[in-house]
Amino acid sequence: FTDGQEESIFPDGTIVRIQRDGSKTIEFN
């Protein structure tokens, strides 16, 4: 994203979001 955030969606449904401050949220399936 333009604000520096990232989001990855894996084939197994896991979602990883990285904020601008480097903190990371992982949502498992």
PDB file of all heavy atoms in Angstrom:
ATOM      1  N   PHE A   1       0.823  -1.195   0.000  1.00  0.00           N
ATOM      2  CA  PHE A   1       0.000   0.000   0.000  1.00  0.00           C
ATOM      3  C   PHE A   1       0.865   1.255   0.000  1.00  0.00           C
ATOM      4  O   PHE A   1       2.019   1.233   0.432  1.00  0.00           O
ATOM      5  CB  PHE A   1      -0.940  -0.015   1.215  1.00  0.00           C
ATOM      6  CG  PHE A   1      -1.879  -1.198   1.200  1.00  0.00           C
ATOM      7  CD1 PHE A   1      -1.586  -2.338   1.929  1.00  0.00           C
ATOM      8  CD2 PHE A   1      -3.035  -1.171   0.433  1.00  0.00           C
ATOM      9  CE1 PHE A   1      -2.437  -3.439   1.905  1.00  0.00           C
ATOM     10  CE2 PHE A   1      -3.890  -2.258   0.407  1.00  0.00           C
ATOM     11  CZ  PHE A   1      -3.596  -3.398   1.139  1.00  0.00           C
ATOM     12  N   THR A   2       0.297   2.346  -0.455  1.00  0.00           N
ATOM     13  CA  THR A   2       1.053   3.593  -0.587  1.00  0.00           C
ATOM     14  C   THR A   2       1.493   4.156   0.765  1.00  0.00           C
ATOM     15  O   THR A   2       2.445   4.910   0.831  1.00  0.00           O
ATOM     16  CB  THR A   2       0.223   4.656  -1.336  1.00  0.00           C
ATOM     17  OG1 THR A   2      -1.025   4.825  -0.665  1.00  0.00           O
ATOM     18  CG2 THR A   2      -0.028   4.220  -2.764  1.00  0.00           C
ATOM     19  N   ASP A   3       0.800   3.790   1.850  1.00  0.00           N
ATOM     20  CA  ASP A   3       1.168   4.299   3.174  1.00  0.00           C
ATOM     21  C   ASP A   3       2.252   3.457   3.844  1.00  0.00           C
ATOM     22  O   ASP A   3       2.591   3.681   5.002  1.00  0.00           O
ATOM     23  CB  ASP A   3      -0.062   4.395   4.084  1.00  0.00           C
ATOM     24  CG  ASP A   3      -0.710   3.046   4.354  1.00  0.00           C
ATOM     25  OD1 ASP A   3      -0.197   2.008   3.875  1.00  0.00           O
ATOM     26  OD2 ASP A   3      -1.744   3.029   5.054  1.00  0.00           O
ATOM     27  N   GLY A   4       2.800   2.459   3.117  1.00  0.00           N
ATOM     28  CA  GLY A   4       3.883   1.647   3.662  1.00  0.00           C
ATOM     29  C   GLY A   4       3.428   0.333   4.268  1.00  0.00           C
ATOM     30  O   GLY A   4       4.257  -0.496   4.638  1.00  0.00           O
ATOM     31  N   GLN A   5       2.137   0.110   4.395  1.00  0.00           N
ATOM     32  CA  GLN A   5       1.650  -1.155   4.931  1.00  0.00           C
ATOM     33  C   GLN A   5       1.739  -2.249   3.878  1.00  0.00           C
ATOM     34  O   GLN A   5       1.708  -1.972   2.687  1.00  0.00           O
ATOM     35  CB  GLN A   5       0.203  -1.013   5.398  1.00  0.00           C
ATOM     36  CG  GLN A   5       0.031  -0.052   6.557  1.00  0.00           C
ATOM     37  CD  GLN A   5      -1.405  -0.032   7.033  1.00  0.00           C
ATOM     38  OE1 GLN A   5      -1.919  -1.035   7.502  1.00  0.00           O
ATOM     39  NE2 GLN A   5      -2.053   1.116   6.885  1.00  0.00           N
ATOM     40  N   GLU A   6       1.848  -3.493   4.356  1.00  0.00           N
ATOM     41  CA  GLU A   6       1.899  -4.650   3.471  1.00  0.00           C
ATOM     42  C   GLU A   6       0.904  -5.688   3.959  1.00  0.00           C
ATOM     43  O   GLU A   6       0.650  -5.792   5.154  1.00  0.00           O
ATOM     44  CB  GLU A   6       3.285  -5.297   3.501  1.00  0.00           C
ATOM     45  CG  GLU A   6       4.387  -4.479   2.929  1.00  0.00           C
ATOM     46  CD  GLU A   6       5.727  -5.213   2.959  1.00  0.00           C
ATOM     47  OE1 GLU A   6       5.751  -6.455   3.122  1.00  0.00           O
ATOM     48  OE2 GLU A   6       6.748  -4.532   2.817  1.00  0.00           O
ATOM     49  N   GLU A   7       0.382  -6.464   3.021  1.00  0.00           N
ATOM     50  CA  GLU A   7      -0.504  -7.563   3.369  1.00  0.00           C
ATOM     51  C   GLU A   7      -0.177  -8.726   2.453  1.00  0.00           C
ATOM     52  O   GLU A   7      -0.088  -8.557   1.239  1.00  0.00           O
ATOM     53  CB  GLU A   7      -1.960  -7.138   3.175  1.00  0.00           C
ATOM     54  CG  GLU A   7      -2.962  -8.257   3.367  1.00  0.00           C
ATOM     55  CD  GLU A   7      -4.373  -7.817   3.033  1.00  0.00           C
ATOM     56  OE1 GLU A   7      -4.663  -7.658   1.826  1.00  0.00           O
ATOM     57  OE2 GLU A   7      -5.159  -7.632   3.966  1.00  0.00           O
ATOM     58  N   SER A   8       0.024  -9.908   3.037  1.00  0.00           N
ATOM     59  CA  SER A   8       0.268 -11.120   2.254  1.00  0.00           C
ATOM     60  C   SER A   8      -0.817 -12.128   2.582  1.00  0.00           C
ATOM     61  O   SER A   8      -1.110 -12.370   3.752  1.00  0.00           O
ATOM     62  CB  SER A   8       1.638 -11.725   2.587  1.00  0.00           C
ATOM     63  OG  SER A   8       2.665 -10.839   2.194  1.00  0.00           O
ATOM     64  N   ILE A   9      -1.396 -12.705   1.527  1.00  0.00           N
ATOM     65  CA  ILE A   9      -2.432 -13.714   1.695  1.00  0.00           C
ATOM     66  C   ILE A   9      -1.873 -14.996   1.088  1.00  0.00           C
ATOM     67  O   ILE A   9      -1.603 -15.070  -0.108  1.00  0.00           O
ATOM     68  CB  ILE A   9      -3.740 -13.294   0.999  1.00  0.00           C
ATOM     69  CG1 ILE A   9      -4.194 -11.937   1.544  1.00  0.00           C
ATOM     70  CG2 ILE A   9      -4.815 -14.354   1.187  1.00  0.00           C
ATOM     71  CD1 ILE A   9      -5.256 -11.256   0.702  1.00  0.00           C
ATOM     72  N   PHE A  10      -1.696 -16.014   1.941  1.00  0.00           N
ATOM     73  CA  PHE A  10      -1.088 -17.269   1.504  1.00  0.00           C
ATOM     74  C   PHE A  10      -2.155 -18.253   1.043  1.00  0.00           C
ATOM     75  O   PHE A  10      -3.313 -18.160   1.449  1.00  0.00           O
ATOM     76  CB  PHE A  10      -0.248 -17.858   2.644  1.00  0.00           C
ATOM     77  CG  PHE A  10       0.942 -17.002   2.988  1.00  0.00           C
ATOM     78  CD1 PHE A  10       0.843 -16.001   3.942  1.00  0.00           C
ATOM     79  CD2 PHE A  10       2.154 -17.173   2.326  1.00  0.00           C
ATOM     80  CE1 PHE A  10       1.933 -15.187   4.233  1.00  0.00           C
ATOM     81  CE2 PHE A  10       3.241 -16.362   2.620  1.00  0.00           C
ATOM     82  CZ  PHE A  10       3.129 -15.372   3.569  1.00  0.00           C
ATOM     83  N   PRO A  11      -1.776 -19.221   0.200  1.00  0.00           N
ATOM     84  CA  PRO A  11      -2.751 -20.178  -0.333  1.00  0.00           C
ATOM     85  C   PRO A  11      -3.534 -20.932   0.749  1.00  0.00           C
ATOM     86  O   PRO A  11      -4.667 -21.313   0.529  1.00  0.00           O
ATOM     87  CB  PRO A  11      -1.900 -21.144  -1.159  1.00  0.00           C
ATOM     88  CG  PRO A  11      -0.708 -20.337  -1.560  1.00  0.00           C
ATOM     89  CD  PRO A  11      -0.451 -19.422  -0.391  1.00  0.00           C
ATOM     90  N   ASP A  12      -2.926 -21.135   1.928  1.00  0.00           N
ATOM     91  CA  ASP A  12      -3.626 -21.860   2.985  1.00  0.00           C
ATOM     92  C   ASP A  12      -4.600 -20.976   3.766  1.00  0.00           C
ATOM     93  O   ASP A  12      -5.247 -21.430   4.703  1.00  0.00           O
ATOM     94  CB  ASP A  12      -2.633 -22.517   3.951  1.00  0.00           C
ATOM     95  CG  ASP A  12      -1.884 -21.523   4.827  1.00  0.00           C
ATOM     96  OD1 ASP A  12      -2.056 -20.290   4.663  1.00  0.00           O
ATOM     97  OD2 ASP A  12      -1.110 -21.977   5.695  1.00  0.00           O
ATOM     98  N   GLY A  13      -4.705 -19.688   3.384  1.00  0.00           N
ATOM     99  CA  GLY A  13      -5.635 -18.785   4.050  1.00  0.00           C
ATOM    100  C   GLY A  13      -4.993 -17.910   5.116  1.00  0.00           C
ATOM    101  O   GLY A  13      -5.635 -17.008   5.653  1.00  0.00           O
ATOM    102  N   THR A  14      -3.727 -18.159   5.449  1.00  0.00           N
ATOM    103  CA  THR A  14      -3.024 -17.328   6.426  1.00  0.00           C
ATOM    104  C   THR A  14      -2.839 -15.931   5.842  1.00  0.00           C
ATOM    105  O   THR A  14      -2.503 -15.778   4.678  1.00  0.00           O
ATOM    106  CB  THR A  14      -1.648 -17.938   6.774  1.00  0.00           C
ATOM    107  OG1 THR A  14      -1.853 -19.241   7.308  1.00  0.00           O
ATOM    108  CG2 THR A  14      -0.887 -17.078   7.767  1.00  0.00           C
ATOM    109  N   ILE A  15      -3.071 -14.914   6.682  1.00  0.00           N
ATOM    110  CA  ILE A  15      -2.909 -13.520   6.258  1.00  0.00           C
ATOM    111  C   ILE A  15      -1.887 -12.855   7.177  1.00  0.00           C
ATOM    112  O   ILE A  15      -2.003 -12.942   8.405  1.00  0.00           O
ATOM    113  CB  ILE A  15      -4.251 -12.750   6.324  1.00  0.00           C
ATOM    114  CG1 ILE A  15      -5.278 -13.416   5.410  1.00  0.00           C
ATOM    115  CG2 ILE A  15      -4.052 -11.284   5.957  1.00  0.00           C
ATOM    116  CD1 ILE A  15      -6.685 -12.858   5.554  1.00  0.00           C
ATOM    117  N   VAL A  16      -0.891 -12.201   6.593  1.00  0.00           N
ATOM    118  CA  VAL A  16       0.127 -11.472   7.354  1.00  0.00           C
ATOM    119  C   VAL A  16       0.026 -10.006   6.969  1.00  0.00           C
ATOM    120  O   VAL A  16       0.076  -9.664   5.786  1.00  0.00           O
ATOM    121  CB  VAL A  16       1.550 -12.004   7.061  1.00  0.00           C
ATOM    122  CG1 VAL A  16       2.591 -11.175   7.807  1.00  0.00           C
ATOM    123  CG2 VAL A  16       1.669 -13.474   7.422  1.00  0.00           C
ATOM    124  N   ARG A  17      -0.143  -9.149   7.987  1.00  0.00           N
ATOM    125  CA  ARG A  17      -0.191  -7.708   7.748  1.00  0.00           C
ATOM    126  C   ARG A  17       0.972  -7.059   8.492  1.00  0.00           C
ATOM    127  O   ARG A  17       1.180  -7.324   9.669  1.00  0.00           O
ATOM    128  CB  ARG A  17      -1.508  -7.125   8.253  1.00  0.00           C
ATOM    129  CG  ARG A  17      -2.692  -7.573   7.433  1.00  0.00           C
ATOM    130  CD  ARG A  17      -3.992  -6.881   7.882  1.00  0.00           C
ATOM    131  NE  ARG A  17      -5.092  -7.320   7.066  1.00  0.00           N
ATOM    132  CZ  ARG A  17      -5.880  -8.359   7.346  1.00  0.00           C
ATOM    133  NH1 ARG A  17      -5.674  -9.056   8.439  1.00  0.00           N
ATOM    134  NH2 ARG A  17      -6.865  -8.698   6.540  1.00  0.00           N
ATOM    135  N   ILE A  18       1.711  -6.206   7.784  1.00  0.00           N
ATOM    136  CA  ILE A  18       2.839  -5.493   8.384  1.00  0.00           C
ATOM    137  C   ILE A  18       2.524  -4.006   8.346  1.00  0.00           C
ATOM    138  O   ILE A  18       2.224  -3.454   7.284  1.00  0.00           O
ATOM    139  CB  ILE A  18       4.160  -5.802   7.643  1.00  0.00           C
ATOM    140  CG1 ILE A  18       4.430  -7.312   7.669  1.00  0.00           C
ATOM    141  CG2 ILE A  18       5.315  -5.018   8.263  1.00  0.00           C
ATOM    142  CD1 ILE A  18       5.617  -7.744   6.845  1.00  0.00           C
ATOM    143  N   GLN A  19       2.579  -3.381   9.522  1.00  0.00           N
ATOM    144  CA  GLN A  19       2.301  -1.950   9.631  1.00  0.00           C
ATOM    145  C   GLN A  19       3.576  -1.155   9.353  1.00  0.00           C
ATOM    146  O   GLN A  19       4.678  -1.709   9.318  1.00  0.00           O
ATOM    147  CB  GLN A  19       1.778  -1.617  11.042  1.00  0.00           C
ATOM    148  CG  GLN A  19       0.548  -2.415  11.442  1.00  0.00           C
ATOM    149  CD  GLN A  19      -0.614  -2.235  10.493  1.00  0.00           C
ATOM    150  OE1 GLN A  19      -0.909  -1.136  10.055  1.00  0.00           O
ATOM    151  NE2 GLN A  19      -1.265  -3.337  10.145  1.00  0.00           N
ATOM    152  N   ARG A  20       3.420   0.144   9.196  1.00  0.00           N
ATOM    153  CA  ARG A  20       4.578   1.005   8.922  1.00  0.00           C
ATOM    154  C   ARG A  20       5.601   0.959  10.045  1.00  0.00           C
ATOM    155  O   ARG A  20       6.796   1.107   9.807  1.00  0.00           O
ATOM    156  CB  ARG A  20       4.120   2.448   8.714  1.00  0.00           C
ATOM    157  CG  ARG A  20       3.478   2.648   7.375  1.00  0.00           C
ATOM    158  CD  ARG A  20       3.274   4.102   7.040  1.00  0.00           C
ATOM    159  NE  ARG A  20       3.102   4.950   8.180  1.00  0.00           N
ATOM    160  CZ  ARG A  20       2.172   5.877   8.320  1.00  0.00           C
ATOM    161  NH1 ARG A  20       1.312   6.068   7.366  1.00  0.00           N
ATOM    162  NH2 ARG A  20       2.092   6.627   9.383  1.00  0.00           N
ATOM    163  N   ASP A  21       5.145   0.774  11.291  1.00  0.00           N
ATOM    164  CA  ASP A  21       6.071   0.746  12.434  1.00  0.00           C
ATOM    165  C   ASP A  21       6.792  -0.596  12.561  1.00  0.00           C
ATOM    166  O   ASP A  21       7.583  -0.790  13.476  1.00  0.00           O
ATOM    167  CB  ASP A  21       5.340   1.084  13.739  1.00  0.00           C
ATOM    168  CG  ASP A  21       4.291   0.040  14.126  1.00  0.00           C
ATOM    169  OD1 ASP A  21       4.144  -0.991  13.423  1.00  0.00           O
ATOM    170  OD2 ASP A  21       3.598   0.269  15.138  1.00  0.00           O
ATOM    171  N   GLY A  22       6.498  -1.539  11.649  1.00  0.00           N
ATOM    172  CA  GLY A  22       7.158  -2.839  11.672  1.00  0.00           C
ATOM    173  C   GLY A  22       6.387  -3.903  12.429  1.00  0.00           C
ATOM    174  O   GLY A  22       6.754  -5.078  12.379  1.00  0.00           O
ATOM    175  N   SER A  23       5.339  -3.519  13.154  1.00  0.00           N
ATOM    176  CA  SER A  23       4.555  -4.530  13.856  1.00  0.00           C
ATOM    177  C   SER A  23       3.831  -5.403  12.842  1.00  0.00           C
ATOM    178  O   SER A  23       3.504  -4.966  11.739  1.00  0.00           O
ATOM    179  CB  SER A  23       3.576  -3.888  14.839  1.00  0.00           C
ATOM    180  OG  SER A  23       2.623  -3.101  14.157  1.00  0.00           O
ATOM    181  N   LYS A  24       3.626  -6.649  13.226  1.00  0.00           N
ATOM    182  CA  LYS A  24       3.090  -7.640  12.302  1.00  0.00           C
ATOM    183  C   LYS A  24       1.920  -8.367  12.945  1.00  0.00           C
ATOM    184  O   LYS A  24       1.989  -8.736  14.118  1.00  0.00           O
ATOM    185  CB  LYS A  24       4.198  -8.644  11.973  1.00  0.00           C
ATOM    186  CG  LYS A  24       3.827  -9.699  10.973  1.00  0.00           C
ATOM    187  CD  LYS A  24       4.882 -10.803  10.834  1.00  0.00           C
ATOM    188  CE  LYS A  24       6.235 -10.323  10.428  1.00  0.00           C
ATOM    189  NZ  LYS A  24       7.164 -11.443  10.156  1.00  0.00           N
ATOM    190  N   THR A  25       0.850  -8.556  12.184  1.00  0.00           N
ATOM    191  CA  THR A  25      -0.291  -9.354  12.622  1.00  0.00           C
ATOM    192  C   THR A  25      -0.403 -10.544  11.684  1.00  0.00           C
ATOM    193  O   THR A  25      -0.368 -10.384  10.464  1.00  0.00           O
ATOM    194  CB  THR A  25      -1.600  -8.535  12.553  1.00  0.00           C
ATOM    195  OG1 THR A  25      -1.442  -7.340  13.315  1.00  0.00           O
ATOM    196  CG2 THR A  25      -2.767  -9.327  13.100  1.00  0.00           C
ATOM    197  N   ILE A  26      -0.521 -11.733  12.278  1.00  0.00           N
ATOM    198  CA  ILE A  26      -0.673 -12.949  11.488  1.00  0.00           C
ATOM    199  C   ILE A  26      -2.002 -13.584  11.870  1.00  0.00           C
ATOM    200  O   ILE A  26      -2.244 -13.842  13.061  1.00  0.00           O
ATOM    201  CB  ILE A  26       0.475 -13.957  11.747  1.00  0.00           C
ATOM    202  CG1 ILE A  26       1.824 -13.288  11.516  1.00  0.00           C
ATOM    203  CG2 ILE A  26       0.303 -15.201  10.884  1.00  0.00           C
ATOM    204  CD1 ILE A  26       3.004 -14.093  12.032  1.00  0.00           C
ATOM    205  N   GLU A  27      -2.859 -13.811  10.882  1.00  0.00           N
ATOM    206  CA  GLU A  27      -4.131 -14.489  11.122  1.00  0.00           C
ATOM    207  C   GLU A  27      -4.038 -15.857  10.466  1.00  0.00           C
ATOM    208  O   GLU A  27      -3.906 -15.960   9.246  1.00  0.00           O
ATOM    209  CB  GLU A  27      -5.289 -13.685  10.521  1.00  0.00           C
ATOM    210  CG  GLU A  27      -5.466 -12.335  11.185  1.00  0.00           C
ATOM    211  CD  GLU A  27      -6.517 -11.471  10.509  1.00  0.00           C
ATOM    212  OE1 GLU A  27      -7.302 -11.995   9.677  1.00  0.00           O
ATOM    213  OE2 GLU A  27      -6.547 -10.272  10.811  1.00  0.00           O
ATOM    214  N   PHE A  28      -4.081 -16.907  11.297  1.00  0.00           N
ATOM    215  CA  PHE A  28      -3.963 -18.275  10.798  1.00  0.00           C
ATOM    216  C   PHE A  28      -5.339 -18.810  10.416  1.00  0.00           C
ATOM    217  O   PHE A  28      -6.358 -18.384  10.956  1.00  0.00           O
ATOM    218  CB  PHE A  28      -3.315 -19.174  11.859  1.00  0.00           C
ATOM    219  CG  PHE A  28      -1.904 -18.768  12.193  1.00  0.00           C
ATOM    220  CD1 PHE A  28      -1.636 -17.946  13.282  1.00  0.00           C
ATOM    221  CD2 PHE A  28      -0.833 -19.197  11.416  1.00  0.00           C
ATOM    222  CE1 PHE A  28      -0.339 -17.566  13.597  1.00  0.00           C
ATOM    223  CE2 PHE A  28       0.469 -18.821  11.715  1.00  0.00           C
ATOM    224  CZ  PHE A  28       0.712 -18.006  12.812  1.00  0.00           C
ATOM    225  N   ASN A  29      -5.357 -19.797   9.535  1.00  0.00           N
ATOM    226  CA  ASN A  29      -6.626 -20.352   9.083  1.00  0.00           C
ATOM    227  C   ASN A  29      -7.320 -21.198  10.151  1.00  0.00           C
ATOM    228  O   ASN A  29      -8.470 -21.572   9.987  1.00  0.00           O
ATOM    229  CB  ASN A  29      -6.447 -21.146   7.779  1.00  0.00           C
ATOM    230  CG  ASN A  29      -5.497 -22.317   7.937  1.00  0.00           C
ATOM    231  OD1 ASN A  29      -5.030 -22.614   9.025  1.00  0.00           O
ATOM    232  ND2 ASN A  29      -5.217 -22.980   6.829  1.00  0.00           N
TER     233      ASN A  29
END
